[in-house]
């Protein structure tokens, strides 16, 4: 399907068949994001979080993945690609059910999703994707602001996201889906020049 066609009713099959080298996210058949490349600060924060989670998860059942990776929130292993109308590419996901990991994508709700804000994605991350992650059953959702150096954490309780805390560069975050993992944000927000 060409990006010049009306932006409605896209399916994951259309996306996979496209010859265009454009990454985008779709909610209910509608394109919600075709973002420019992330900034160096965004990439730094993503890299540091991937290091923290990757080191902790080495040899464990759960796995961490960084964008770009397609997450088909409301699909399962038997859902045909033509029927998938929702997929996103979160900055970081943690998956503890290996049955959700396919060769080309993730199907179903991740256990933890982290979105790193940029000016072009902030509304989607805070509203549209927030609501879809909640609806899909994501257990823990982090919104990371690299410019202002803070993290908001939301936990799923009774099918609703409840704010669990607001953390700044001086804080340590307890990762709620794991009993024994905390991340010191001074490492995450420290820039590559050591500041």
C-alpha atoms as a PDB file:
ATOM      1  CA  UNK A   1       0.000   0.000   0.000  1.00  0.00           C
ATOM      2  CA  UNK A   2       1.368   3.392  -0.934  1.00  0.00           C
ATOM      3  CA  UNK A   3       1.711   6.124   1.646  1.00  0.00           C
ATOM      4  CA  UNK A   4      -0.084   8.370  -0.880  1.00  0.00           C
ATOM      5  CA  UNK A   5      -3.312   6.416  -0.458  1.00  0.00           C
ATOM      6  CA  UNK A   6      -5.883   7.539   2.145  1.00  0.00           C
ATOM      7  CA  UNK A   7      -4.562   6.935   5.649  1.00  0.00           C
ATOM      8  CA  UNK A   8      -7.215   4.576   6.916  1.00  0.00           C
ATOM      9  CA  UNK A   9      -7.752   0.884   7.374  1.00  0.00           C
ATOM     10  CA  UNK A  10      -4.117  -0.132   6.998  1.00  0.00           C
ATOM     11  CA  UNK A  11      -3.396  -3.689   7.969  1.00  0.00           C
ATOM     12  CA  UNK A  12      -0.130  -5.222   9.066  1.00  0.00           C
ATOM     13  CA  UNK A  13      -0.176  -7.224   5.814  1.00  0.00           C
ATOM     14  CA  UNK A  14      -0.236  -3.932   3.842  1.00  0.00           C
ATOM     15  CA  UNK A  15       2.685  -2.678   5.899  1.00  0.00           C
ATOM     16  CA  UNK A  16       4.749  -5.824   5.298  1.00  0.00           C
ATOM     17  CA  UNK A  17       4.026  -5.740   1.560  1.00  0.00           C
ATOM     18  CA  UNK A  18       4.963  -2.085   1.160  1.00  0.00           C
ATOM     19  CA  UNK A  19       8.071  -1.445  -0.919  1.00  0.00           C
ATOM     20  CA  UNK A  20       8.594   1.924   0.774  1.00  0.00           C
ATOM     21  CA  UNK A  21      11.337   2.184   3.396  1.00  0.00           C
ATOM     22  CA  UNK A  22       9.193   4.093   5.875  1.00  0.00           C
ATOM     23  CA  UNK A  23       8.546   3.034   9.469  1.00  0.00           C
ATOM     24  CA  UNK A  24       5.225   3.964  10.973  1.00  0.00           C
ATOM     25  CA  UNK A  25       2.826   3.002  13.735  1.00  0.00           C
ATOM     26  CA  UNK A  26      -0.879   2.326  13.293  1.00  0.00           C
ATOM     27  CA  UNK A  27      -3.803   2.359  15.745  1.00  0.00           C
ATOM     28  CA  UNK A  28      -7.160   1.052  14.565  1.00  0.00           C
ATOM     29  CA  UNK A  29      -6.038   1.195  10.936  1.00  0.00           C
ATOM     30  CA  UNK A  30      -4.920   4.855  11.183  1.00  0.00           C
ATOM     31  CA  UNK A  31      -1.302   6.008  10.948  1.00  0.00           C
ATOM     32  CA  UNK A  32      -0.346   7.747  14.192  1.00  0.00           C
ATOM     33  CA  UNK A  33       3.385   8.192  13.851  1.00  0.00           C
ATOM     34  CA  UNK A  34       5.986   8.586  11.149  1.00  0.00           C
ATOM     35  CA  UNK A  35       8.693  10.163  13.245  1.00  0.00           C
ATOM     36  CA  UNK A  36      12.028  11.616  12.212  1.00  0.00           C
ATOM     37  CA  UNK A  37      15.149   9.896  13.477  1.00  0.00           C
ATOM     38  CA  UNK A  38      15.671  10.167  17.250  1.00  0.00           C
ATOM     39  CA  UNK A  39      18.050  12.783  18.650  1.00  0.00           C
ATOM     40  CA  UNK A  40      21.439  11.830  20.124  1.00  0.00           C
ATOM     41  CA  UNK A  41      20.056  12.475  23.659  1.00  0.00           C
ATOM     42  CA  UNK A  42      17.099  10.169  22.940  1.00  0.00           C
ATOM     43  CA  UNK A  43      19.471   7.495  21.648  1.00  0.00           C
ATOM     44  CA  UNK A  44      21.738   7.867  24.679  1.00  0.00           C
ATOM     45  CA  UNK A  45      18.844   7.382  27.120  1.00  0.00           C
ATOM     46  CA  UNK A  46      17.566   4.385  25.154  1.00  0.00           C
ATOM     47  CA  UNK A  47      21.034   2.812  25.051  1.00  0.00           C
ATOM     48  CA  UNK A  48      21.588   3.227  28.800  1.00  0.00           C
ATOM     49  CA  UNK A  49      18.199   1.737  29.657  1.00  0.00           C
ATOM     50  CA  UNK A  50      18.820  -1.188  27.293  1.00  0.00           C
ATOM     51  CA  UNK A  51      22.161  -1.797  29.027  1.00  0.00           C
ATOM     52  CA  UNK A  52      20.495  -1.774  32.466  1.00  0.00           C
ATOM     53  CA  UNK A  53      17.704  -4.150  31.463  1.00  0.00           C
ATOM     54  CA  UNK A  54      19.921  -6.327  29.237  1.00  0.00           C
ATOM     55  CA  UNK A  55      22.490  -6.852  31.976  1.00  0.00           C
ATOM     56  CA  UNK A  56      19.822  -7.727  34.541  1.00  0.00           C
ATOM     57  CA  UNK A  57      17.937 -10.081  32.188  1.00  0.00           C
ATOM     58  CA  UNK A  58      20.974 -11.992  30.941  1.00  0.00           C
ATOM     59  CA  UNK A  59      20.217 -15.696  31.500  1.00  0.00           C
ATOM     60  CA  UNK A  60      16.646 -15.041  32.667  1.00  0.00           C
ATOM     61  CA  UNK A  61      13.288 -15.873  31.084  1.00  0.00           C
ATOM     62  CA  UNK A  62      12.343 -12.314  30.121  1.00  0.00           C
ATOM     63  CA  UNK A  63      13.860 -10.469  27.158  1.00  0.00           C
ATOM     64  CA  UNK A  64      14.339  -6.784  26.373  1.00  0.00           C
ATOM     65  CA  UNK A  65      14.035  -5.288  22.881  1.00  0.00           C
ATOM     66  CA  UNK A  66      14.725  -1.794  21.568  1.00  0.00           C
ATOM     67  CA  UNK A  67      13.078   0.031  18.701  1.00  0.00           C
ATOM     68  CA  UNK A  68      12.562  -0.571  15.890  1.00  0.00           C
ATOM     69  CA  UNK A  69      10.485  -3.666  16.624  1.00  0.00           C
ATOM     70  CA  UNK A  70       6.834  -4.113  15.705  1.00  0.00           C
ATOM     71  CA  UNK A  71       4.520  -4.858  18.620  1.00  0.00           C
ATOM     72  CA  UNK A  72       1.056  -6.030  17.549  1.00  0.00           C
ATOM     73  CA  UNK A  73      -0.737  -5.266  20.816  1.00  0.00           C
ATOM     74  CA  UNK A  74      -4.058  -7.006  20.207  1.00  0.00           C
ATOM     75  CA  UNK A  75      -2.838  -9.956  18.136  1.00  0.00           C
ATOM     76  CA  UNK A  76      -1.804 -13.489  19.015  1.00  0.00           C
ATOM     77  CA  UNK A  77       0.062 -16.265  17.229  1.00  0.00           C
ATOM     78  CA  UNK A  78      -2.955 -17.177  15.084  1.00  0.00           C
ATOM     79  CA  UNK A  79      -4.081 -13.680  14.063  1.00  0.00           C
ATOM     80  CA  UNK A  80      -3.702 -13.237  10.279  1.00  0.00           C
ATOM     81  CA  UNK A  81      -1.661 -10.177   9.280  1.00  0.00           C
ATOM     82  CA  UNK A  82      -4.668  -8.881   7.315  1.00  0.00           C
ATOM     83  CA  UNK A  83      -6.659  -8.657  10.571  1.00  0.00           C
ATOM     84  CA  UNK A  84      -3.985  -6.752  12.523  1.00  0.00           C
ATOM     85  CA  UNK A  85      -4.927  -3.052  12.567  1.00  0.00           C
ATOM     86  CA  UNK A  86      -2.774  -1.964  15.523  1.00  0.00           C
ATOM     87  CA  UNK A  87       0.995  -2.046  15.796  1.00  0.00           C
ATOM     88  CA  UNK A  88       3.494   0.204  17.504  1.00  0.00           C
ATOM     89  CA  UNK A  89       7.268   0.468  17.810  1.00  0.00           C
ATOM     90  CA  UNK A  90       7.959   1.349  21.450  1.00  0.00           C
ATOM     91  CA  UNK A  91      11.444   2.523  22.333  1.00  0.00           C
ATOM     92  CA  UNK A  92      11.902  -0.404  24.747  1.00  0.00           C
ATOM     93  CA  UNK A  93       9.790  -3.448  25.600  1.00  0.00           C
ATOM     94  CA  UNK A  94      10.270  -6.271  28.077  1.00  0.00           C
ATOM     95  CA  UNK A  95       8.604  -9.574  27.215  1.00  0.00           C
ATOM     96  CA  UNK A  96       8.374 -12.419  29.748  1.00  0.00           C
ATOM     97  CA  UNK A  97       6.155 -14.777  27.716  1.00  0.00           C
ATOM     98  CA  UNK A  98       8.351 -16.233  24.974  1.00  0.00           C
ATOM     99  CA  UNK A  99       5.236 -17.318  23.049  1.00  0.00           C
ATOM    100  CA  UNK A 100       4.714 -13.630  22.199  1.00  0.00           C
ATOM    101  CA  UNK A 101       8.038 -13.410  20.355  1.00  0.00           C
ATOM    102  CA  UNK A 102       7.772 -14.158  16.625  1.00  0.00           C
ATOM    103  CA  UNK A 103      10.564 -14.083  14.040  1.00  0.00           C
ATOM    104  CA  UNK A 104       9.242 -10.752  12.644  1.00  0.00           C
ATOM    105  CA  UNK A 105       7.363  -9.142  15.554  1.00  0.00           C
ATOM    106  CA  UNK A 106       5.914  -9.298  19.054  1.00  0.00           C
ATOM    107  CA  UNK A 107       2.248 -10.316  19.440  1.00  0.00           C
ATOM    108  CA  UNK A 108       0.259  -9.337  22.507  1.00  0.00           C
ATOM    109  CA  UNK A 109       0.983  -6.949  25.349  1.00  0.00           C
ATOM    110  CA  UNK A 110       4.563  -6.609  26.602  1.00  0.00           C
ATOM    111  CA  UNK A 111       5.080  -6.763  30.366  1.00  0.00           C
ATOM    112  CA  UNK A 112       6.805  -3.377  30.362  1.00  0.00           C
ATOM    113  CA  UNK A 113       6.859  -0.598  27.758  1.00  0.00           C
ATOM    114  CA  UNK A 114       9.127   2.437  27.806  1.00  0.00           C
ATOM    115  CA  UNK A 115       8.507   5.405  25.528  1.00  0.00           C
ATOM    116  CA  UNK A 116      11.146   8.144  25.299  1.00  0.00           C
ATOM    117  CA  UNK A 117       9.502  11.461  24.462  1.00  0.00           C
ATOM    118  CA  UNK A 118      10.389  13.643  21.531  1.00  0.00           C
ATOM    119  CA  UNK A 119       8.486  16.757  20.412  1.00  0.00           C
ATOM    120  CA  UNK A 120       6.879  14.877  17.530  1.00  0.00           C
ATOM    121  CA  UNK A 121       5.692  11.901  19.630  1.00  0.00           C
ATOM    122  CA  UNK A 122       4.791  13.364  23.045  1.00  0.00           C
ATOM    123  CA  UNK A 123       1.027  13.556  22.438  1.00  0.00           C
ATOM    124  CA  UNK A 124       0.892  10.035  21.012  1.00  0.00           C
ATOM    125  CA  UNK A 125       2.920   8.603  23.904  1.00  0.00           C
ATOM    126  CA  UNK A 126       0.877  10.398  26.583  1.00  0.00           C
ATOM    127  CA  UNK A 127      -2.608   9.895  25.134  1.00  0.00           C
ATOM    128  CA  UNK A 128      -3.107   7.540  22.192  1.00  0.00           C
ATOM    129  CA  UNK A 129      -0.489   4.927  23.003  1.00  0.00           C
ATOM    130  CA  UNK A 130      -1.054   5.316  26.756  1.00  0.00           C
ATOM    131  CA  UNK A 131      -4.701   4.313  26.263  1.00  0.00           C
ATOM    132  CA  UNK A 132      -3.844   1.418  23.962  1.00  0.00           C
ATOM    133  CA  UNK A 133      -1.160   0.070  26.290  1.00  0.00           C
ATOM    134  CA  UNK A 134      -3.679   0.227  29.119  1.00  0.00           C
ATOM    135  CA  UNK A 135      -6.366  -1.504  27.014  1.00  0.00           C
ATOM    136  CA  UNK A 136      -3.932  -4.206  25.878  1.00  0.00           C
ATOM    137  CA  UNK A 137      -2.899  -5.010  29.461  1.00  0.00           C
ATOM    138  CA  UNK A 138       0.703  -3.753  29.623  1.00  0.00           C
ATOM    139  CA  UNK A 139       1.653  -4.233  33.290  1.00  0.00           C
ATOM    140  CA  UNK A 140       4.076  -1.301  33.591  1.00  0.00           C
ATOM    141  CA  UNK A 141       4.508   1.800  31.411  1.00  0.00           C
ATOM    142  CA  UNK A 142       7.306   4.369  31.641  1.00  0.00           C
ATOM    143  CA  UNK A 143       7.290   7.754  29.936  1.00  0.00           C
ATOM    144  CA  UNK A 144      10.825   9.141  29.807  1.00  0.00           C
ATOM    145  CA  UNK A 145      11.544  12.803  29.106  1.00  0.00           C
ATOM    146  CA  UNK A 146      15.203  13.075  28.054  1.00  0.00           C
ATOM    147  CA  UNK A 147      15.154  16.873  27.769  1.00  0.00           C
ATOM    148  CA  UNK A 148      13.859  17.514  31.285  1.00  0.00           C
ATOM    149  CA  UNK A 149      15.443  14.338  32.698  1.00  0.00           C
ATOM    150  CA  UNK A 150      12.511  12.682  34.415  1.00  0.00           C
ATOM    151  CA  UNK A 151      10.549   9.431  34.252  1.00  0.00           C
ATOM    152  CA  UNK A 152       6.858   8.868  34.970  1.00  0.00           C
ATOM    153  CA  UNK A 153       5.863   5.328  35.924  1.00  0.00           C
ATOM    154  CA  UNK A 154       2.369   3.860  35.553  1.00  0.00           C
ATOM    155  CA  UNK A 155       1.224   0.462  36.845  1.00  0.00           C
ATOM    156  CA  UNK A 156      -1.815  -1.468  35.646  1.00  0.00           C
ATOM    157  CA  UNK A 157      -4.328  -2.009  38.459  1.00  0.00           C
ATOM    158  CA  UNK A 158      -7.869  -3.182  37.796  1.00  0.00           C
ATOM    159  CA  UNK A 159      -7.346  -2.615  34.054  1.00  0.00           C
ATOM    160  CA  UNK A 160      -6.352   1.051  34.575  1.00  0.00           C
ATOM    161  CA  UNK A 161      -2.964   2.742  34.675  1.00  0.00           C
ATOM    162  CA  UNK A 162      -2.272   4.260  38.081  1.00  0.00           C
ATOM    163  CA  UNK A 163       0.597   6.716  38.548  1.00  0.00           C
ATOM    164  CA  UNK A 164       3.303   5.017  40.576  1.00  0.00           C
ATOM    165  CA  UNK A 165       5.806   7.847  40.726  1.00  0.00           C
ATOM    166  CA  UNK A 166       7.693  10.699  39.143  1.00  0.00           C
ATOM    167  CA  UNK A 167      11.482  10.315  39.166  1.00  0.00           C
ATOM    168  CA  UNK A 168      14.297  12.750  38.404  1.00  0.00           C
ATOM    169  CA  UNK A 169      17.979  12.331  37.629  1.00  0.00           C
ATOM    170  CA  UNK A 170      18.849  12.008  41.337  1.00  0.00           C
ATOM    171  CA  UNK A 171      16.411   9.127  41.916  1.00  0.00           C
ATOM    172  CA  UNK A 172      16.486   5.368  41.630  1.00  0.00           C
ATOM    173  CA  UNK A 173      13.471   3.592  40.095  1.00  0.00           C
ATOM    174  CA  UNK A 174      12.248   0.240  41.362  1.00  0.00           C
ATOM    175  CA  UNK A 175      11.186  -1.823  38.330  1.00  0.00           C
ATOM    176  CA  UNK A 176       7.867  -3.151  39.567  1.00  0.00           C
ATOM    177  CA  UNK A 177       7.618  -6.233  37.337  1.00  0.00           C
ATOM    178  CA  UNK A 178      10.835  -7.549  38.934  1.00  0.00           C
ATOM    179  CA  UNK A 179      11.467  -8.035  42.639  1.00  0.00           C
ATOM    180  CA  UNK A 180      15.118  -7.072  42.689  1.00  0.00           C
ATOM    181  CA  UNK A 181      15.808  -4.499  39.965  1.00  0.00           C
ATOM    182  CA  UNK A 182      16.305  -0.798  40.553  1.00  0.00           C
ATOM    183  CA  UNK A 183      17.790   1.634  38.032  1.00  0.00           C
ATOM    184  CA  UNK A 184      19.740   4.720  39.036  1.00  0.00           C
ATOM    185  CA  UNK A 185      18.725   7.530  36.713  1.00  0.00           C
ATOM    186  CA  UNK A 186      22.008   9.404  37.108  1.00  0.00           C
ATOM    187  CA  UNK A 187      23.479   6.755  34.781  1.00  0.00           C
ATOM    188  CA  UNK A 188      20.595   6.968  32.315  1.00  0.00           C
ATOM    189  CA  UNK A 189      20.615  10.762  32.006  1.00  0.00           C
ATOM    190  CA  UNK A 190      24.373  11.259  32.103  1.00  0.00           C
ATOM    191  CA  UNK A 191      25.386  12.438  28.636  1.00  0.00           C
ATOM    192  CA  UNK A 192      28.252  10.973  26.645  1.00  0.00           C
ATOM    193  CA  UNK A 193      30.561  13.803  27.688  1.00  0.00           C
ATOM    194  CA  UNK A 194      30.292  12.607  31.303  1.00  0.00           C
ATOM    195  CA  UNK A 195      28.139  15.538  32.467  1.00  0.00           C
END
